[in-house]
Each structure stands twice: as structure tokens, then as C-alpha cells.
Amino acid sequence: MRFEVPQFIEIEDKIFGPLTLKQFIYLAGTAGVSFVIYTTLPFFLAIILIAPFIVFGLALAFYKHNNRPFITLVESWFNFTIKGKLYIWKKRQKPIEERVEEEAIMQSPLYVPKLSDSKLKDLSWSLDVEERQRGDVL
């Protein structure tokens, strides 16, 4: 039995001429808001207020940023401004007890200074140092 696998499932269907349903809704909403502003306000004030709505509506309908619809960019911006931020690192002063302990550790004979950014290299170096201090290595 043969099955037909659908192709091009990411592409939206063109419903209103060359426009998809989302594009048509964005443009119709923009036209509706523009008409309400035009009928309620004086002409020059209406034109000044209508222009940003038209630009925003056209961007929603047709503009793609990094091959993604403009609405995802607007949604990401909105979530970023509304939601709380997570700060990973904040520098703070250590208590005196911890600083005294660190100084004591640094003065001990087995203190191994940090040589590189790799923890594995530091660990292998510290093991070599401990073996030589105990006399295990020839």
C-alpha cells in the first residue's frame, strides 16, 4: 500500500488572491484602524497618526527578519520588556570569615595555583605535585 506524503507543509495557503489569511487579517485590521482615525480626527492629525499604523501593518504582513515573520520579533520584544530578567552573575563582597579561610588555604604548603582555564590540566598538575612531594615518582 502506497501513501502520499504531504510536501511543503511550512508554506501557508494563499486564500485572498496573493495574500495568506494572516496577511489579509493584518492588512484589514490596519485599514479598519486607519479608517476610524480618519473619520474621527481632523485630516492633518489623522495622517500623522495613520502613518505609523500603516507601516506597522505592512511590516506584520510582509516583512521577515532573519527568515522569520515580523510578529515573532514583536512577540519576543514584548516578552523581553514585560517578563523579569535573570542575572547569572552579580559581584558581591565575601564575608570576612571566607576571606580568612582563603588566605589560610593559600599559605598552606599544598596550595596549587591555578595555571590555566582547564580544570583537567590543573587537576593533573596538582596530582603530579602531590606525587613528587610524597616521593612516589622516581
N, C-alpha and C. Protein backbone atom coordinates (compact mmCIF):
# COMPACT_ATOMS: atom_id res chain seq x y z
N MET A 1 0.84 -1.17 0.00
CA MET A 1 0.00 0.00 0.00
C MET A 1 0.89 1.24 0.00
N ARG A 2 0.60 2.16 -0.89
CA ARG A 2 1.40 3.37 -1.03
C ARG A 2 0.69 4.54 -0.35
N PHE A 3 1.50 5.34 0.34
CA PHE A 3 0.97 6.53 1.00
C PHE A 3 1.60 7.77 0.36
N GLU A 4 0.79 8.80 0.25
CA GLU A 4 1.29 10.05 -0.29
C GLU A 4 1.67 10.97 0.87
N VAL A 5 2.93 11.40 0.90
CA VAL A 5 3.45 12.26 1.95
C VAL A 5 3.25 13.72 1.53
N PRO A 6 2.61 14.53 2.39
CA PRO A 6 2.41 15.93 2.03
C PRO A 6 3.75 16.66 1.89
N GLN A 7 3.83 17.54 0.92
CA GLN A 7 5.02 18.33 0.67
C GLN A 7 4.74 19.79 0.99
N PHE A 8 5.76 20.54 1.32
CA PHE A 8 5.67 21.97 1.56
C PHE A 8 4.64 22.31 2.63
N ILE A 9 4.73 21.68 3.79
CA ILE A 9 3.75 21.93 4.84
C ILE A 9 4.03 23.22 5.60
N GLU A 10 5.23 23.81 5.41
CA GLU A 10 5.56 25.07 6.08
C GLU A 10 4.95 26.28 5.38
N ILE A 11 4.59 26.14 4.12
CA ILE A 11 4.08 27.25 3.32
C ILE A 11 2.58 27.40 3.56
N GLU A 12 2.15 28.63 3.88
CA GLU A 12 0.73 28.87 4.13
C GLU A 12 -0.01 28.98 2.80
N ASP A 13 -1.29 28.62 2.81
CA ASP A 13 -2.10 28.68 1.61
C ASP A 13 -2.51 30.11 1.31
N LYS A 14 -2.53 30.45 0.01
CA LYS A 14 -2.98 31.77 -0.43
C LYS A 14 -4.51 31.71 -0.54
N ILE A 15 -5.18 32.47 0.30
CA ILE A 15 -6.64 32.42 0.34
C ILE A 15 -7.25 33.62 -0.37
N PHE A 16 -6.75 34.80 -0.11
CA PHE A 16 -7.28 36.04 -0.69
C PHE A 16 -6.32 36.54 -1.75
N GLY A 17 -6.41 35.99 -2.96
CA GLY A 17 -5.51 36.39 -4.04
C GLY A 17 -4.08 36.02 -3.70
N PRO A 18 -3.15 36.99 -3.68
CA PRO A 18 -1.76 36.68 -3.35
C PRO A 18 -1.48 36.71 -1.85
N LEU A 19 -2.51 36.87 -1.01
CA LEU A 19 -2.33 37.02 0.43
C LEU A 19 -2.76 35.76 1.17
N THR A 20 -2.04 35.46 2.25
CA THR A 20 -2.47 34.40 3.15
C THR A 20 -3.53 34.97 4.09
N LEU A 21 -4.13 34.11 4.90
CA LEU A 21 -5.16 34.55 5.83
C LEU A 21 -4.59 35.54 6.85
N LYS A 22 -3.40 35.26 7.38
CA LYS A 22 -2.79 36.16 8.36
C LYS A 22 -2.50 37.52 7.75
N GLN A 23 -1.92 37.52 6.55
CA GLN A 23 -1.62 38.79 5.88
C GLN A 23 -2.89 39.60 5.66
N PHE A 24 -3.95 38.93 5.24
CA PHE A 24 -5.21 39.62 5.00
C PHE A 24 -5.76 40.22 6.30
N ILE A 25 -5.69 39.48 7.39
CA ILE A 25 -6.20 39.97 8.68
C ILE A 25 -5.37 41.18 9.14
N TYR A 26 -4.04 41.12 9.01
CA TYR A 26 -3.20 42.25 9.39
C TYR A 26 -3.55 43.50 8.58
N LEU A 27 -3.70 43.34 7.26
CA LEU A 27 -4.00 44.48 6.40
C LEU A 27 -5.41 45.00 6.63
N ALA A 28 -6.37 44.10 6.84
CA ALA A 28 -7.75 44.53 7.11
C ALA A 28 -7.83 45.26 8.45
N GLY A 29 -7.13 44.78 9.47
CA GLY A 29 -7.10 45.47 10.76
C GLY A 29 -6.47 46.84 10.65
N THR A 30 -5.39 46.93 9.89
CA THR A 30 -4.73 48.22 9.68
C THR A 30 -5.65 49.18 8.96
N ALA A 31 -6.34 48.69 7.94
CA ALA A 31 -7.28 49.55 7.20
C ALA A 31 -8.43 50.00 8.10
N GLY A 32 -8.93 49.12 8.95
CA GLY A 32 -10.02 49.47 9.86
C GLY A 32 -9.61 50.53 10.86
N VAL A 33 -8.45 50.38 11.47
CA VAL A 33 -7.96 51.36 12.44
C VAL A 33 -7.71 52.69 11.74
N SER A 34 -7.13 52.64 10.55
CA SER A 34 -6.86 53.87 9.79
C SER A 34 -8.16 54.58 9.45
N PHE A 35 -9.20 53.83 9.06
CA PHE A 35 -10.48 54.44 8.72
C PHE A 35 -11.12 55.11 9.94
N VAL A 36 -11.06 54.46 11.09
CA VAL A 36 -11.63 55.03 12.31
C VAL A 36 -10.89 56.31 12.69
N ILE A 37 -9.57 56.31 12.61
CA ILE A 37 -8.80 57.52 12.93
C ILE A 37 -9.12 58.63 11.93
N TYR A 38 -9.24 58.28 10.65
CA TYR A 38 -9.51 59.27 9.60
C TYR A 38 -10.87 59.93 9.78
N THR A 39 -11.86 59.15 10.20
CA THR A 39 -13.21 59.71 10.33
C THR A 39 -13.41 60.49 11.62
N THR A 40 -12.61 60.22 12.64
CA THR A 40 -12.84 60.88 13.93
C THR A 40 -11.96 62.11 14.16
N LEU A 41 -10.81 62.20 13.53
CA LEU A 41 -9.87 63.30 13.77
C LEU A 41 -9.78 64.20 12.54
N PRO A 42 -9.28 65.42 12.73
CA PRO A 42 -9.04 66.29 11.58
C PRO A 42 -8.00 65.67 10.64
N PHE A 43 -8.03 66.08 9.37
CA PHE A 43 -7.24 65.44 8.32
C PHE A 43 -5.74 65.40 8.64
N PHE A 44 -5.14 66.54 8.97
CA PHE A 44 -3.69 66.58 9.18
C PHE A 44 -3.26 65.76 10.39
N LEU A 45 -4.03 65.81 11.46
CA LEU A 45 -3.72 64.99 12.63
C LEU A 45 -3.92 63.50 12.34
N ALA A 46 -4.94 63.20 11.55
CA ALA A 46 -5.22 61.80 11.19
C ALA A 46 -4.08 61.21 10.37
N ILE A 47 -3.56 61.99 9.41
CA ILE A 47 -2.47 61.48 8.57
C ILE A 47 -1.23 61.19 9.42
N ILE A 48 -0.96 62.05 10.38
CA ILE A 48 0.21 61.84 11.25
C ILE A 48 0.05 60.57 12.09
N LEU A 49 -1.16 60.30 12.56
CA LEU A 49 -1.39 59.10 13.37
C LEU A 49 -1.56 57.84 12.54
N ILE A 50 -2.05 57.98 11.32
CA ILE A 50 -2.30 56.80 10.48
C ILE A 50 -0.99 56.23 9.94
N ALA A 51 -0.02 57.07 9.63
CA ALA A 51 1.23 56.61 9.01
C ALA A 51 1.94 55.50 9.82
N PRO A 52 2.11 55.64 11.14
CA PRO A 52 2.75 54.53 11.87
C PRO A 52 1.93 53.24 11.85
N PHE A 53 0.60 53.37 11.88
CA PHE A 53 -0.24 52.16 11.82
C PHE A 53 -0.07 51.45 10.48
N ILE A 54 0.01 52.20 9.40
CA ILE A 54 0.17 51.59 8.08
C ILE A 54 1.53 50.90 7.98
N VAL A 55 2.58 51.55 8.46
CA VAL A 55 3.92 50.94 8.42
C VAL A 55 3.94 49.66 9.25
N PHE A 56 3.35 49.71 10.44
CA PHE A 56 3.32 48.53 11.31
C PHE A 56 2.51 47.40 10.67
N GLY A 57 1.36 47.73 10.08
CA GLY A 57 0.54 46.71 9.43
C GLY A 57 1.24 46.08 8.24
N LEU A 58 1.93 46.88 7.43
CA LEU A 58 2.68 46.33 6.29
C LEU A 58 3.84 45.46 6.77
N ALA A 59 4.48 45.88 7.86
CA ALA A 59 5.58 45.06 8.40
C ALA A 59 5.04 43.72 8.92
N LEU A 60 3.91 43.74 9.60
CA LEU A 60 3.32 42.49 10.07
C LEU A 60 2.96 41.57 8.92
N ALA A 61 2.46 42.14 7.83
CA ALA A 61 2.00 41.32 6.72
C ALA A 61 3.14 40.80 5.85
N PHE A 62 4.17 41.62 5.60
CA PHE A 62 5.14 41.24 4.58
C PHE A 62 6.59 41.14 5.04
N TYR A 63 7.00 41.84 6.08
CA TYR A 63 8.42 41.89 6.45
C TYR A 63 8.84 40.62 7.19
N LYS A 64 10.01 40.10 6.82
CA LYS A 64 10.60 38.96 7.51
C LYS A 64 12.00 39.33 7.97
N HIS A 65 12.28 39.08 9.24
CA HIS A 65 13.59 39.35 9.82
C HIS A 65 14.26 38.02 10.09
N ASN A 66 15.41 37.79 9.48
CA ASN A 66 16.13 36.50 9.60
C ASN A 66 15.23 35.33 9.22
N ASN A 67 14.46 35.51 8.17
CA ASN A 67 13.57 34.47 7.64
C ASN A 67 12.48 34.06 8.62
N ARG A 68 12.14 34.94 9.54
CA ARG A 68 11.06 34.69 10.48
C ARG A 68 10.07 35.83 10.38
N PRO A 69 8.78 35.58 10.58
CA PRO A 69 7.78 36.65 10.47
C PRO A 69 8.02 37.75 11.49
N PHE A 70 7.61 38.96 11.15
CA PHE A 70 7.81 40.13 12.00
C PHE A 70 7.06 39.99 13.32
N ILE A 71 5.95 39.25 13.32
CA ILE A 71 5.16 39.09 14.54
C ILE A 71 5.96 38.36 15.62
N THR A 72 6.87 37.45 15.24
CA THR A 72 7.70 36.78 16.25
C THR A 72 8.70 37.76 16.86
N LEU A 73 9.20 38.71 16.07
CA LEU A 73 10.09 39.74 16.59
C LEU A 73 9.34 40.64 17.58
N VAL A 74 8.12 41.01 17.25
CA VAL A 74 7.31 41.84 18.14
C VAL A 74 6.99 41.08 19.42
N GLU A 75 6.65 39.82 19.28
CA GLU A 75 6.34 39.00 20.46
C GLU A 75 7.57 38.84 21.37
N SER A 76 8.73 38.62 20.79
CA SER A 76 9.96 38.49 21.58
C SER A 76 10.29 39.79 22.30
N TRP A 77 10.13 40.92 21.61
CA TRP A 77 10.39 42.22 22.23
C TRP A 77 9.42 42.46 23.40
N PHE A 78 8.15 42.12 23.19
CA PHE A 78 7.15 42.30 24.23
C PHE A 78 7.47 41.45 25.45
N ASN A 79 7.80 40.17 25.23
CA ASN A 79 8.15 39.28 26.34
C ASN A 79 9.40 39.76 27.08
N PHE A 80 10.37 40.28 26.34
CA PHE A 80 11.59 40.78 26.97
C PHE A 80 11.30 41.97 27.87
N THR A 81 10.43 42.88 27.41
CA THR A 81 10.17 44.08 28.20
C THR A 81 9.26 43.79 29.40
N ILE A 82 8.37 42.82 29.29
CA ILE A 82 7.39 42.55 30.35
C ILE A 82 7.95 41.60 31.41
N LYS A 83 8.56 40.52 30.99
CA LYS A 83 8.99 39.48 31.93
C LYS A 83 10.23 39.90 32.70
N GLY A 84 10.45 39.24 33.83
CA GLY A 84 11.62 39.51 34.65
C GLY A 84 12.89 39.02 33.99
N LYS A 85 13.98 39.61 34.39
CA LYS A 85 15.29 39.25 33.83
C LYS A 85 16.01 38.34 34.81
N LEU A 86 16.80 37.43 34.29
CA LEU A 86 17.60 36.53 35.10
C LEU A 86 19.06 36.96 34.99
N TYR A 87 19.64 37.39 36.10
CA TYR A 87 21.03 37.79 36.12
C TYR A 87 21.85 36.62 36.65
N ILE A 88 22.79 36.17 35.88
CA ILE A 88 23.57 35.00 36.23
C ILE A 88 24.67 35.33 37.24
N TRP A 89 25.32 36.48 37.08
CA TRP A 89 26.46 36.79 37.92
C TRP A 89 26.32 38.19 38.49
N LYS A 90 26.46 38.27 39.78
CA LYS A 90 26.48 39.56 40.46
C LYS A 90 27.65 39.52 41.43
N LYS A 91 28.55 40.50 41.32
CA LYS A 91 29.70 40.55 42.20
C LYS A 91 29.26 41.05 43.57
N ARG A 92 29.68 40.37 44.59
CA ARG A 92 29.35 40.78 45.95
C ARG A 92 30.56 40.58 46.85
N GLN A 93 30.61 41.30 47.91
CA GLN A 93 31.72 41.22 48.85
C GLN A 93 31.58 39.95 49.68
N LYS A 94 32.68 39.20 49.82
CA LYS A 94 32.66 37.99 50.62
C LYS A 94 32.72 38.34 52.09
N PRO A 95 32.10 37.52 52.94
CA PRO A 95 32.23 37.76 54.39
C PRO A 95 33.69 37.60 54.84
N ILE A 96 34.00 38.18 55.95
CA ILE A 96 35.38 38.17 56.47
C ILE A 96 35.85 36.74 56.74
N GLU A 97 34.95 35.88 57.25
CA GLU A 97 35.35 34.51 57.57
C GLU A 97 35.84 33.77 56.34
N GLU A 98 35.14 33.95 55.19
CA GLU A 98 35.55 33.25 53.98
C GLU A 98 36.90 33.77 53.48
N ARG A 99 37.13 35.08 53.59
CA ARG A 99 38.40 35.63 53.15
C ARG A 99 39.55 35.11 54.01
N VAL A 100 39.33 34.97 55.31
CA VAL A 100 40.37 34.46 56.20
C VAL A 100 40.67 33.01 55.85
N GLU A 101 39.62 32.21 55.56
CA GLU A 101 39.83 30.81 55.19
C GLU A 101 40.62 30.70 53.89
N GLU A 102 40.30 31.55 52.91
CA GLU A 102 41.01 31.51 51.63
C GLU A 102 42.49 31.87 51.83
N GLU A 103 42.76 32.86 52.65
CA GLU A 103 44.15 33.24 52.91
C GLU A 103 44.90 32.11 53.61
N ALA A 104 44.23 31.39 54.50
CA ALA A 104 44.87 30.27 55.20
C ALA A 104 45.17 29.14 54.21
N ILE A 105 44.27 28.89 53.30
CA ILE A 105 44.49 27.84 52.30
C ILE A 105 45.64 28.22 51.39
N MET A 106 45.73 29.49 51.01
CA MET A 106 46.80 29.93 50.12
C MET A 106 48.17 29.82 50.78
N GLN A 107 48.24 29.91 52.10
CA GLN A 107 49.51 29.85 52.80
C GLN A 107 49.91 28.42 53.14
N SER A 108 49.01 27.46 52.95
CA SER A 108 49.35 26.07 53.26
C SER A 108 50.33 25.54 52.21
N PRO A 109 51.16 24.53 52.57
CA PRO A 109 52.18 24.04 51.64
C PRO A 109 51.61 23.31 50.43
N LEU A 110 50.37 22.83 50.50
CA LEU A 110 49.79 22.08 49.38
C LEU A 110 48.94 22.96 48.46
N TYR A 111 49.04 24.25 48.61
CA TYR A 111 48.26 25.14 47.75
C TYR A 111 48.78 25.03 46.32
N VAL A 112 47.85 24.78 45.38
CA VAL A 112 48.20 24.66 43.97
C VAL A 112 47.64 25.88 43.25
N PRO A 113 48.50 26.71 42.69
CA PRO A 113 47.97 27.89 41.99
C PRO A 113 47.28 27.48 40.69
N LYS A 114 46.33 28.27 40.29
CA LYS A 114 45.60 28.00 39.05
C LYS A 114 46.49 28.40 37.88
N LEU A 115 46.78 27.44 37.01
CA LEU A 115 47.69 27.70 35.91
C LEU A 115 46.97 27.98 34.59
N SER A 116 45.82 27.36 34.40
CA SER A 116 45.13 27.53 33.12
C SER A 116 43.63 27.55 33.35
N ASP A 117 42.88 27.69 32.26
CA ASP A 117 41.43 27.70 32.35
C ASP A 117 40.85 26.30 32.36
N SER A 118 41.66 25.30 32.12
CA SER A 118 41.18 23.93 32.06
C SER A 118 41.30 23.28 33.44
N LYS A 119 40.20 22.80 33.95
CA LYS A 119 40.21 22.14 35.26
C LYS A 119 40.97 20.81 35.19
N LEU A 120 40.88 20.14 34.04
CA LEU A 120 41.56 18.86 33.88
C LEU A 120 43.07 19.03 33.94
N LYS A 121 43.60 20.06 33.28
CA LYS A 121 45.04 20.32 33.34
C LYS A 121 45.47 20.67 34.76
N ASP A 122 44.67 21.50 35.44
CA ASP A 122 45.00 21.86 36.83
C ASP A 122 45.01 20.64 37.73
N LEU A 123 44.03 19.75 37.54
CA LEU A 123 43.96 18.54 38.36
C LEU A 123 45.16 17.64 38.11
N SER A 124 45.54 17.44 36.85
CA SER A 124 46.69 16.58 36.56
C SER A 124 47.98 17.18 37.11
N TRP A 125 48.12 18.50 37.04
CA TRP A 125 49.31 19.15 37.57
C TRP A 125 49.36 19.00 39.08
N SER A 126 48.22 19.18 39.76
CA SER A 126 48.21 19.05 41.22
C SER A 126 48.51 17.62 41.65
N LEU A 127 48.06 16.62 40.88
CA LEU A 127 48.37 15.23 41.22
C LEU A 127 49.86 14.96 41.04
N ASP A 128 50.46 15.51 39.99
CA ASP A 128 51.91 15.34 39.80
C ASP A 128 52.68 15.97 40.95
N VAL A 129 52.27 17.12 41.41
CA VAL A 129 52.96 17.81 42.50
C VAL A 129 52.85 17.00 43.79
N GLU A 130 51.67 16.47 44.08
CA GLU A 130 51.48 15.68 45.31
C GLU A 130 52.31 14.40 45.27
N GLU A 131 52.39 13.74 44.09
CA GLU A 131 53.19 12.52 43.99
C GLU A 131 54.66 12.81 44.22
N ARG A 132 55.14 13.92 43.69
CA ARG A 132 56.56 14.24 43.85
C ARG A 132 56.86 14.60 45.31
N GLN A 133 55.90 15.24 46.00
CA GLN A 133 56.13 15.61 47.40
C GLN A 133 56.17 14.36 48.28
N ARG A 134 55.39 13.35 47.92
CA ARG A 134 55.39 12.12 48.74
C ARG A 134 56.55 11.22 48.36
N GLY A 135 57.15 11.44 47.18
CA GLY A 135 58.28 10.62 46.76
C GLY A 135 57.85 9.39 46.00
N ASP A 136 56.64 9.35 45.47
CA ASP A 136 56.16 8.19 44.73
C ASP A 136 56.79 8.10 43.34
N VAL A 137 57.13 9.23 42.75
CA VAL A 137 57.67 9.24 41.40
C VAL A 137 59.20 9.18 41.48
N LEU A 138 59.82 8.43 40.58
CA LEU A 138 61.29 8.29 40.61
C LEU A 138 61.98 9.56 40.30
